[in-house]
Amino acid sequence: MVKKTAIYGEAWEKTPGGVKLAAKPGAGPIWSRYVSIGNDQPVFGDRNKSIHNDVNELSAERRRGYRWYSADPQRALARFKEWEQEHSQ
């Protein structure tokens, strides 16, 4: 699941008004913190309990106050690849 939900060509960027997901050729992979069950698309919740498919639709406070995207899974995938090569027969 981790590889199929990776996002390329977009970056989570700081802007004067906060943060936003923006097109950036060559960027990635990054992963959304939450994905919708069944279609594996990113999903986001705002303070008013509304659900969104686009993080840029969230209130500025909610976009700034939460780590919606992360590149952290890439480290785990790289380490697993090393482990797999070390332990293959």
PDB file of N, CA and C in Angstrom:
ATOM      1  N   MET A   1       0.811  -1.201   0.000  1.00  0.00           N
ATOM      2  CA  MET A   1       0.000   0.000   0.000  1.00  0.00           C
ATOM      3  C   MET A   1       0.849   1.257   0.000  1.00  0.00           C
ATOM      4  N   VAL A   2       1.970   1.232   0.670  1.00  0.00           N
ATOM      5  CA  VAL A   2       2.769   2.445   0.785  1.00  0.00           C
ATOM      6  C   VAL A   2       3.234   2.937  -0.579  1.00  0.00           C
ATOM      7  N   LYS A   3       3.713   2.036  -1.403  1.00  0.00           N
ATOM      8  CA  LYS A   3       4.208   2.464  -2.714  1.00  0.00           C
ATOM      9  C   LYS A   3       3.083   2.988  -3.604  1.00  0.00           C
ATOM     10  N   LYS A   4       1.916   2.373  -3.542  1.00  0.00           N
ATOM     11  CA  LYS A   4       0.846   2.809  -4.442  1.00  0.00           C
ATOM     12  C   LYS A   4       0.201   4.115  -4.007  1.00  0.00           C
ATOM     13  N   THR A   5       0.426   4.560  -2.795  1.00  0.00           N
ATOM     14  CA  THR A   5      -0.141   5.835  -2.340  1.00  0.00           C
ATOM     15  C   THR A   5       0.884   6.969  -2.357  1.00  0.00           C
ATOM     16  N   ALA A   6       2.073   6.696  -2.864  1.00  0.00           N
ATOM     17  CA  ALA A   6       3.100   7.734  -2.969  1.00  0.00           C
ATOM     18  C   ALA A   6       2.654   8.804  -3.964  1.00  0.00           C
ATOM     19  N   ILE A   7       3.001  10.042  -3.664  1.00  0.00           N
ATOM     20  CA  ILE A   7       2.621  11.172  -4.507  1.00  0.00           C
ATOM     21  C   ILE A   7       3.895  11.785  -5.073  1.00  0.00           C
ATOM     22  N   TYR A   8       3.941  11.906  -6.381  1.00  0.00           N
ATOM     23  CA  TYR A   8       5.080  12.511  -7.071  1.00  0.00           C
ATOM     24  C   TYR A   8       4.622  13.774  -7.785  1.00  0.00           C
ATOM     25  N   GLY A   9       5.562  14.698  -7.971  1.00  0.00           N
ATOM     26  CA  GLY A   9       5.247  15.908  -8.720  1.00  0.00           C
ATOM     27  C   GLY A   9       4.520  16.968  -7.925  1.00  0.00           C
ATOM     28  N   GLU A  10       4.416  16.770  -6.609  1.00  0.00           N
ATOM     29  CA  GLU A  10       3.796  17.771  -5.733  1.00  0.00           C
ATOM     30  C   GLU A  10       4.630  17.880  -4.462  1.00  0.00           C
ATOM     31  N   ALA A  11       4.616  19.056  -3.856  1.00  0.00           N
ATOM     32  CA  ALA A  11       5.380  19.287  -2.629  1.00  0.00           C
ATOM     33  C   ALA A  11       4.539  20.060  -1.623  1.00  0.00           C
ATOM     34  N   TRP A  12       4.778  19.779  -0.352  1.00  0.00           N
ATOM     35  CA  TRP A  12       4.122  20.464   0.753  1.00  0.00           C
ATOM     36  C   TRP A  12       5.014  21.649   1.080  1.00  0.00           C
ATOM     37  N   GLU A  13       4.585  22.857   0.695  1.00  0.00           N
ATOM     38  CA  GLU A  13       5.450  24.031   0.750  1.00  0.00           C
ATOM     39  C   GLU A  13       4.932  25.109   1.680  1.00  0.00           C
ATOM     40  N   LYS A  14       5.886  25.782   2.331  1.00  0.00           N
ATOM     41  CA  LYS A  14       5.546  26.957   3.132  1.00  0.00           C
ATOM     42  C   LYS A  14       5.344  28.133   2.193  1.00  0.00           C
ATOM     43  N   THR A  15       4.324  28.921   2.491  1.00  0.00           N
ATOM     44  CA  THR A  15       4.024  30.121   1.717  1.00  0.00           C
ATOM     45  C   THR A  15       3.834  31.261   2.711  1.00  0.00           C
ATOM     46  N   PRO A  16       3.788  32.497   2.244  1.00  0.00           N
ATOM     47  CA  PRO A  16       3.545  33.608   3.175  1.00  0.00           C
ATOM     48  C   PRO A  16       2.237  33.450   3.958  1.00  0.00           C
ATOM     49  N   GLY A  17       1.250  32.777   3.364  1.00  0.00           N
ATOM     50  CA  GLY A  17      -0.031  32.591   4.033  1.00  0.00           C
ATOM     51  C   GLY A  17      -0.146  31.290   4.816  1.00  0.00           C
ATOM     52  N   GLY A  18       0.909  30.512   4.879  1.00  0.00           N
ATOM     53  CA  GLY A  18       0.859  29.234   5.589  1.00  0.00           C
ATOM     54  C   GLY A  18       1.571  28.147   4.823  1.00  0.00           C
ATOM     55  N   VAL A  19       0.878  27.055   4.569  1.00  0.00           N
ATOM     56  CA  VAL A  19       1.427  25.957   3.775  1.00  0.00           C
ATOM     57  C   VAL A  19       0.380  25.493   2.780  1.00  0.00           C
ATOM     58  N   LYS A  20       0.852  24.882   1.690  1.00  0.00           N
ATOM     59  CA  LYS A  20      -0.085  24.353   0.701  1.00  0.00           C
ATOM     60  C   LYS A  20       0.597  23.259  -0.094  1.00  0.00           C
ATOM     61  N   LEU A  21      -0.215  22.431  -0.708  1.00  0.00           N
ATOM     62  CA  LEU A  21       0.278  21.421  -1.621  1.00  0.00           C
ATOM     63  C   LEU A  21       0.337  22.077  -2.987  1.00  0.00           C
ATOM     64  N   ALA A  22       1.524  22.039  -3.607  1.00  0.00           N
ATOM     65  CA  ALA A  22       1.708  22.718  -4.888  1.00  0.00           C
ATOM     66  C   ALA A  22       2.417  21.799  -5.876  1.00  0.00           C
ATOM     67  N   ALA A  23       2.094  21.981  -7.148  1.00  0.00           N
ATOM     68  CA  ALA A  23       2.767  21.231  -8.203  1.00  0.00           C
ATOM     69  C   ALA A  23       4.239  21.610  -8.206  1.00  0.00           C
ATOM     70  N   LYS A  24       5.097  20.583  -8.292  1.00  0.00           N
ATOM     71  CA  LYS A  24       6.535  20.813  -8.339  1.00  0.00           C
ATOM     72  C   LYS A  24       7.155  19.644  -9.106  1.00  0.00           C
ATOM     73  N   PRO A  25       7.450  19.860 -10.375  1.00  0.00           N
ATOM     74  CA  PRO A  25       8.011  18.779 -11.186  1.00  0.00           C
ATOM     75  C   PRO A  25       9.249  18.156 -10.523  1.00  0.00           C
ATOM     76  N   GLY A  26       9.280  16.837 -10.529  1.00  0.00           N
ATOM     77  CA  GLY A  26      10.415  16.111  -9.953  1.00  0.00           C
ATOM     78  C   GLY A  26      10.336  15.887  -8.454  1.00  0.00           C
ATOM     79  N   ALA A  27       9.349  16.471  -7.798  1.00  0.00           N
ATOM     80  CA  ALA A  27       9.238  16.333  -6.335  1.00  0.00           C
ATOM     81  C   ALA A  27       8.683  14.963  -5.964  1.00  0.00           C
ATOM     82  N   GLY A  28       8.977  14.581  -4.749  1.00  0.00           N
ATOM     83  CA  GLY A  28       8.396  13.358  -4.202  1.00  0.00           C
ATOM     84  C   GLY A  28       9.413  12.251  -4.073  1.00  0.00           C
ATOM     85  N   PRO A  29       8.997  11.196  -3.486  1.00  0.00           N
ATOM     86  CA  PRO A  29       7.636  10.913  -3.073  1.00  0.00           C
ATOM     87  C   PRO A  29       7.299  11.510  -1.707  1.00  0.00           C
ATOM     88  N   ILE A  30       6.037  11.840  -1.550  1.00  0.00           N
ATOM     89  CA  ILE A  30       5.470  12.189  -0.255  1.00  0.00           C
ATOM     90  C   ILE A  30       4.203  11.365  -0.090  1.00  0.00           C
ATOM     91  N   TRP A  31       3.748  11.267   1.138  1.00  0.00           N
ATOM     92  CA  TRP A  31       2.540  10.499   1.419  1.00  0.00           C
ATOM     93  C   TRP A  31       1.596  11.332   2.266  1.00  0.00           C
ATOM     94  N   SER A  32       0.315  11.167   2.022  1.00  0.00           N
ATOM     95  CA  SER A  32      -0.711  11.796   2.839  1.00  0.00           C
ATOM     96  C   SER A  32      -0.837  11.017   4.140  1.00  0.00           C
ATOM     97  N   ARG A  33      -1.084  11.719   5.214  1.00  0.00           N
ATOM     98  CA  ARG A  33      -1.242  11.047   6.505  1.00  0.00           C
ATOM     99  C   ARG A  33      -2.432  10.099   6.500  1.00  0.00           C
ATOM    100  N   TYR A  34      -3.515  10.498   5.858  1.00  0.00           N
ATOM    101  CA  TYR A  34      -4.718   9.663   5.813  1.00  0.00           C
ATOM    102  C   TYR A  34      -5.140   9.433   4.372  1.00  0.00           C
ATOM    103  N   VAL A  35      -5.618   8.223   4.089  1.00  0.00           N
ATOM    104  CA  VAL A  35      -6.158   7.918   2.770  1.00  0.00           C
ATOM    105  C   VAL A  35      -7.526   7.282   2.931  1.00  0.00           C
ATOM    106  N   SER A  36      -8.358   7.499   1.946  1.00  0.00           N
ATOM    107  CA  SER A  36      -9.703   6.948   1.949  1.00  0.00           C
ATOM    108  C   SER A  36      -9.648   5.448   1.673  1.00  0.00           C
ATOM    109  N   ILE A  37     -10.350   4.685   2.474  1.00  0.00           N
ATOM    110  CA  ILE A  37     -10.396   3.239   2.281  1.00  0.00           C
ATOM    111  C   ILE A  37     -11.142   2.939   0.987  1.00  0.00           C
ATOM    112  N   GLY A  38     -10.554   2.108   0.184  1.00  0.00           N
ATOM    113  CA  GLY A  38     -11.192   1.699  -1.065  1.00  0.00           C
ATOM    114  C   GLY A  38     -10.585   2.325  -2.295  1.00  0.00           C
ATOM    115  N   ASN A  39     -10.269   3.626  -2.224  1.00  0.00           N
ATOM    116  CA  ASN A  39      -9.679   4.251  -3.408  1.00  0.00           C
ATOM    117  C   ASN A  39      -8.275   4.810  -3.151  1.00  0.00           C
ATOM    118  N   ASP A  40      -7.821   4.738  -1.914  1.00  0.00           N
ATOM    119  CA  ASP A  40      -6.464   5.153  -1.541  1.00  0.00           C
ATOM    120  C   ASP A  40      -6.134   6.597  -1.904  1.00  0.00           C
ATOM    121  N   GLN A  41      -7.136   7.450  -1.957  1.00  0.00           N
ATOM    122  CA  GLN A  41      -6.929   8.870  -2.232  1.00  0.00           C
ATOM    123  C   GLN A  41      -6.777   9.626  -0.911  1.00  0.00           C
ATOM    124  N   PRO A  42      -5.938  10.673  -0.889  1.00  0.00           N
ATOM    125  CA  PRO A  42      -5.793  11.461   0.333  1.00  0.00           C
ATOM    126  C   PRO A  42      -7.130  12.021   0.808  1.00  0.00           C
ATOM    127  N   VAL A  43      -7.292  12.076   2.132  1.00  0.00           N
ATOM    128  CA  VAL A  43      -8.511  12.615   2.725  1.00  0.00           C
ATOM    129  C   VAL A  43      -8.118  13.490   3.914  1.00  0.00           C
ATOM    130  N   PHE A  44      -8.858  14.592   4.121  1.00  0.00           N
ATOM    131  CA  PHE A  44      -8.498  15.585   5.128  1.00  0.00           C
ATOM    132  C   PHE A  44      -9.735  16.029   5.894  1.00  0.00           C
ATOM    133  N   GLY A  45      -9.558  16.306   7.163  1.00  0.00           N
ATOM    134  CA  GLY A  45     -10.658  16.771   7.987  1.00  0.00           C
ATOM    135  C   GLY A  45     -10.375  18.139   8.576  1.00  0.00           C
ATOM    136  N   ASP A  46     -11.375  19.003   8.555  1.00  0.00           N
ATOM    137  CA  ASP A  46     -11.230  20.343   9.121  1.00  0.00           C
ATOM    138  C   ASP A  46     -11.833  20.382  10.522  1.00  0.00           C
ATOM    139  N   ARG A  47     -11.613  21.453  11.242  1.00  0.00           N
ATOM    140  CA  ARG A  47     -12.103  21.590  12.612  1.00  0.00           C
ATOM    141  C   ARG A  47     -13.634  21.513  12.698  1.00  0.00           C
ATOM    142  N   ASN A  48     -14.311  21.941  11.650  1.00  0.00           N
ATOM    143  CA  ASN A  48     -15.780  21.917  11.663  1.00  0.00           C
ATOM    144  C   ASN A  48     -16.329  20.535  11.300  1.00  0.00           C
ATOM    145  N   LYS A  49     -15.456  19.530  11.285  1.00  0.00           N
ATOM    146  CA  LYS A  49     -15.794  18.124  11.009  1.00  0.00           C
ATOM    147  C   LYS A  49     -16.138  17.871   9.544  1.00  0.00           C
ATOM    148  N   SER A  50     -15.823  18.819   8.660  1.00  0.00           N
ATOM    149  CA  SER A  50     -16.031  18.588   7.233  1.00  0.00           C
ATOM    150  C   SER A  50     -14.855  17.785   6.676  1.00  0.00           C
ATOM    151  N   ILE A  51     -15.135  16.958   5.684  1.00  0.00           N
ATOM    152  CA  ILE A  51     -14.145  16.106   5.052  1.00  0.00           C
ATOM    153  C   ILE A  51     -13.846  16.655   3.661  1.00  0.00           C
ATOM    154  N   HIS A  52     -12.567  16.657   3.289  1.00  0.00           N
ATOM    155  CA  HIS A  52     -12.138  17.216   2.006  1.00  0.00           C
ATOM    156  C   HIS A  52     -11.197  16.254   1.292  1.00  0.00           C
ATOM    157  N   ASN A  53     -11.204  16.336  -0.025  1.00  0.00           N
ATOM    158  CA  ASN A  53     -10.277  15.559  -0.842  1.00  0.00           C
ATOM    159  C   ASN A  53      -9.064  16.375  -1.242  1.00  0.00           C
ATOM    160  N   ASP A  54      -9.102  17.679  -1.008  1.00  0.00           N
ATOM    161  CA  ASP A  54      -8.010  18.587  -1.367  1.00  0.00           C
ATOM    162  C   ASP A  54      -7.578  19.342  -0.110  1.00  0.00           C
ATOM    163  N   VAL A  55      -6.334  19.158   0.294  1.00  0.00           N
ATOM    164  CA  VAL A  55      -5.829  19.802   1.512  1.00  0.00           C
ATOM    165  C   VAL A  55      -5.906  21.319   1.423  1.00  0.00           C
ATOM    166  N   ASN A  56      -5.816  21.856   0.217  1.00  0.00           N
ATOM    167  CA  ASN A  56      -5.865  23.308   0.054  1.00  0.00           C
ATOM    168  C   ASN A  56      -7.246  23.890   0.346  1.00  0.00           C
ATOM    169  N   GLU A  57      -8.255  23.033   0.491  1.00  0.00           N
ATOM    170  CA  GLU A  57      -9.599  23.494   0.848  1.00  0.00           C
ATOM    171  C   GLU A  57      -9.761  23.683   2.360  1.00  0.00           C
ATOM    172  N   LEU A  58      -8.819  23.189   3.146  1.00  0.00           N
ATOM    173  CA  LEU A  58      -8.910  23.310   4.604  1.00  0.00           C
ATOM    174  C   LEU A  58      -8.680  24.746   5.043  1.00  0.00           C
ATOM    175  N   SER A  59      -9.171  25.077   6.221  1.00  0.00           N
ATOM    176  CA  SER A  59      -8.896  26.397   6.784  1.00  0.00           C
ATOM    177  C   SER A  59      -7.389  26.546   6.964  1.00  0.00           C
ATOM    178  N   ALA A  60      -6.902  27.776   6.869  1.00  0.00           N
ATOM    179  CA  ALA A  60      -5.457  28.034   6.986  1.00  0.00           C
ATOM    180  C   ALA A  60      -4.920  27.508   8.312  1.00  0.00           C
ATOM    181  N   GLU A  61      -5.665  27.688   9.379  1.00  0.00           N
ATOM    182  CA  GLU A  61      -5.227  27.210  10.698  1.00  0.00           C
ATOM    183  C   GLU A  61      -5.030  25.704  10.687  1.00  0.00           C
ATOM    184  N   ARG A  62      -5.929  24.997  10.066  1.00  0.00           N
ATOM    185  CA  ARG A  62      -5.840  23.531  10.050  1.00  0.00           C
ATOM    186  C   ARG A  62      -4.700  23.059   9.152  1.00  0.00           C
ATOM    187  N   ARG A  63      -4.489  23.737   8.026  1.00  0.00           N
ATOM    188  CA  ARG A  63      -3.359  23.370   7.155  1.00  0.00           C
ATOM    189  C   ARG A  63      -2.034  23.571   7.885  1.00  0.00           C
ATOM    190  N   ARG A  64      -1.902  24.686   8.586  1.00  0.00           N
ATOM    191  CA  ARG A  64      -0.648  24.990   9.292  1.00  0.00           C
ATOM    192  C   ARG A  64      -0.435  24.099  10.495  1.00  0.00           C
ATOM    193  N   GLY A  65      -1.507  23.760  11.189  1.00  0.00           N
ATOM    194  CA  GLY A  65      -1.388  23.113  12.484  1.00  0.00           C
ATOM    195  C   GLY A  65      -1.266  21.609  12.470  1.00  0.00           C
ATOM    196  N   TYR A  66      -1.053  21.018  11.292  1.00  0.00           N
ATOM    197  CA  TYR A  66      -1.029  19.565  11.236  1.00  0.00           C
ATOM    198  C   TYR A  66      -0.087  19.133  10.117  1.00  0.00           C
ATOM    199  N   ARG A  67       0.572  18.036  10.314  1.00  0.00           N
ATOM    200  CA  ARG A  67       1.498  17.526   9.306  1.00  0.00           C
ATOM    201  C   ARG A  67       0.735  16.566   8.371  1.00  0.00           C
ATOM    202  N   TRP A  68       0.095  17.131   7.367  1.00  0.00           N
ATOM    203  CA  TRP A  68      -0.747  16.349   6.468  1.00  0.00           C
ATOM    204  C   TRP A  68       0.048  15.467   5.523  1.00  0.00           C
ATOM    205  N   TYR A  69       1.257  15.887   5.157  1.00  0.00           N
ATOM    206  CA  TYR A  69       2.098  15.128   4.230  1.00  0.00           C
ATOM    207  C   TYR A  69       3.469  14.906   4.841  1.00  0.00           C
ATOM    208  N   SER A  70       4.076  13.790   4.452  1.00  0.00           N
ATOM    209  CA  SER A  70       5.390  13.453   4.977  1.00  0.00           C
ATOM    210  C   SER A  70       6.163  12.624   3.961  1.00  0.00           C
ATOM    211  N   ALA A  71       7.471  12.771   3.980  1.00  0.00           N
ATOM    212  CA  ALA A  71       8.356  11.936   3.158  1.00  0.00           C
ATOM    213  C   ALA A  71       8.934  10.792   3.992  1.00  0.00           C
ATOM    214  N   ASP A  72       8.554  10.703   5.251  1.00  0.00           N
ATOM    215  CA  ASP A  72       9.130   9.706   6.157  1.00  0.00           C
ATOM    216  C   ASP A  72       9.039   8.256   5.679  1.00  0.00           C
ATOM    217  N   PRO A  73       7.961   7.816   5.041  1.00  0.00           N
ATOM    218  CA  PRO A  73       7.918   6.415   4.603  1.00  0.00           C
ATOM    219  C   PRO A  73       9.072   6.039   3.667  1.00  0.00           C
ATOM    220  N   GLN A  74       9.635   7.017   2.963  1.00  0.00           N
ATOM    221  CA  GLN A  74      10.732   6.708   2.047  1.00  0.00           C
ATOM    222  C   GLN A  74      11.926   6.106   2.785  1.00  0.00           C
ATOM    223  N   ARG A  75      12.217   6.594   3.974  1.00  0.00           N
ATOM    224  CA  ARG A  75      13.330   6.036   4.772  1.00  0.00           C
ATOM    225  C   ARG A  75      13.075   4.583   5.121  1.00  0.00           C
ATOM    226  N   ALA A  76      11.843   4.270   5.507  1.00  0.00           N
ATOM    227  CA  ALA A  76      11.504   2.887   5.849  1.00  0.00           C
ATOM    228  C   ALA A  76      11.603   1.986   4.618  1.00  0.00           C
ATOM    229  N   LEU A  77      11.146   2.471   3.463  1.00  0.00           N
ATOM    230  CA  LEU A  77      11.232   1.676   2.240  1.00  0.00           C
ATOM    231  C   LEU A  77      12.680   1.430   1.834  1.00  0.00           C
ATOM    232  N   ALA A  78      13.518   2.453   1.981  1.00  0.00           N
ATOM    233  CA  ALA A  78      14.938   2.298   1.651  1.00  0.00           C
ATOM    234  C   ALA A  78      15.600   1.306   2.595  1.00  0.00           C
ATOM    235  N   ARG A  79      15.302   1.405   3.872  1.00  0.00           N
ATOM    236  CA  ARG A  79      15.890   0.481   4.849  1.00  0.00           C
ATOM    237  C   ARG A  79      15.400  -0.942   4.608  1.00  0.00           C
ATOM    238  N   PHE A  80      14.137  -1.107   4.267  1.00  0.00           N
ATOM    239  CA  PHE A  80      13.624  -2.439   3.972  1.00  0.00           C
ATOM    240  C   PHE A  80      14.329  -3.039   2.764  1.00  0.00           C
ATOM    241  N   LYS A  81      14.574  -2.226   1.745  1.00  0.00           N
ATOM    242  CA  LYS A  81      15.273  -2.720   0.557  1.00  0.00           C
ATOM    243  C   LYS A  81      16.666  -3.216   0.930  1.00  0.00           C
ATOM    244  N   GLU A  82      17.373  -2.473   1.790  1.00  0.00           N
ATOM    245  CA  GLU A  82      18.687  -2.912   2.270  1.00  0.00           C
ATOM    246  C   GLU A  82      18.566  -4.227   3.028  1.00  0.00           C
ATOM    247  N   TRP A  83      17.616  -4.298   3.929  1.00  0.00           N
ATOM    248  CA  TRP A  83      17.407  -5.510   4.721  1.00  0.00           C
ATOM    249  C   TRP A  83      17.099  -6.697   3.827  1.00  0.00           C
ATOM    250  N   GLU A  84      16.235  -6.462   2.841  1.00  0.00           N
ATOM    251  CA  GLU A  84      15.843  -7.525   1.929  1.00  0.00           C
ATOM    252  C   GLU A  84      17.046  -8.070   1.154  1.00  0.00           C
ATOM    253  N   GLN A  85      17.937  -7.168   0.730  1.00  0.00           N
ATOM    254  CA  GLN A  85      19.135  -7.609   0.012  1.00  0.00           C
ATOM    255  C   GLN A  85      20.087  -8.355   0.919  1.00  0.00           C
ATOM    256  N   GLU A  86      20.205  -7.922   2.160  1.00  0.00           N
ATOM    257  CA  GLU A  86      21.078  -8.592   3.126  1.00  0.00           C
ATOM    258  C   GLU A  86      20.581  -9.979   3.479  1.00  0.00           C
ATOM    259  N   HIS A  87      19.265 -10.197   3.440  1.00  0.00           N
ATOM    260  CA  HIS A  87      18.679 -11.445   3.892  1.00  0.00           C
ATOM    261  C   HIS A  87      18.129 -12.317   2.763  1.00  0.00           C
ATOM    262  N   SER A  88      18.400 -11.948   1.539  1.00  0.00           N
ATOM    263  CA  SER A  88      17.922 -12.813   0.438  1.00  0.00           C
ATOM    264  C   SER A  88      18.860 -14.007   0.289  1.00  0.00           C
ATOM    265  N   GLN A  89      18.311 -15.077  -0.203  1.00  0.00           N
ATOM    266  CA  GLN A  89      19.142 -16.284  -0.339  1.00  0.00           C
ATOM    267  C   GLN A  89      19.388 -16.623  -1.759  1.00  0.00           C
TER     268      GLN A  89
END
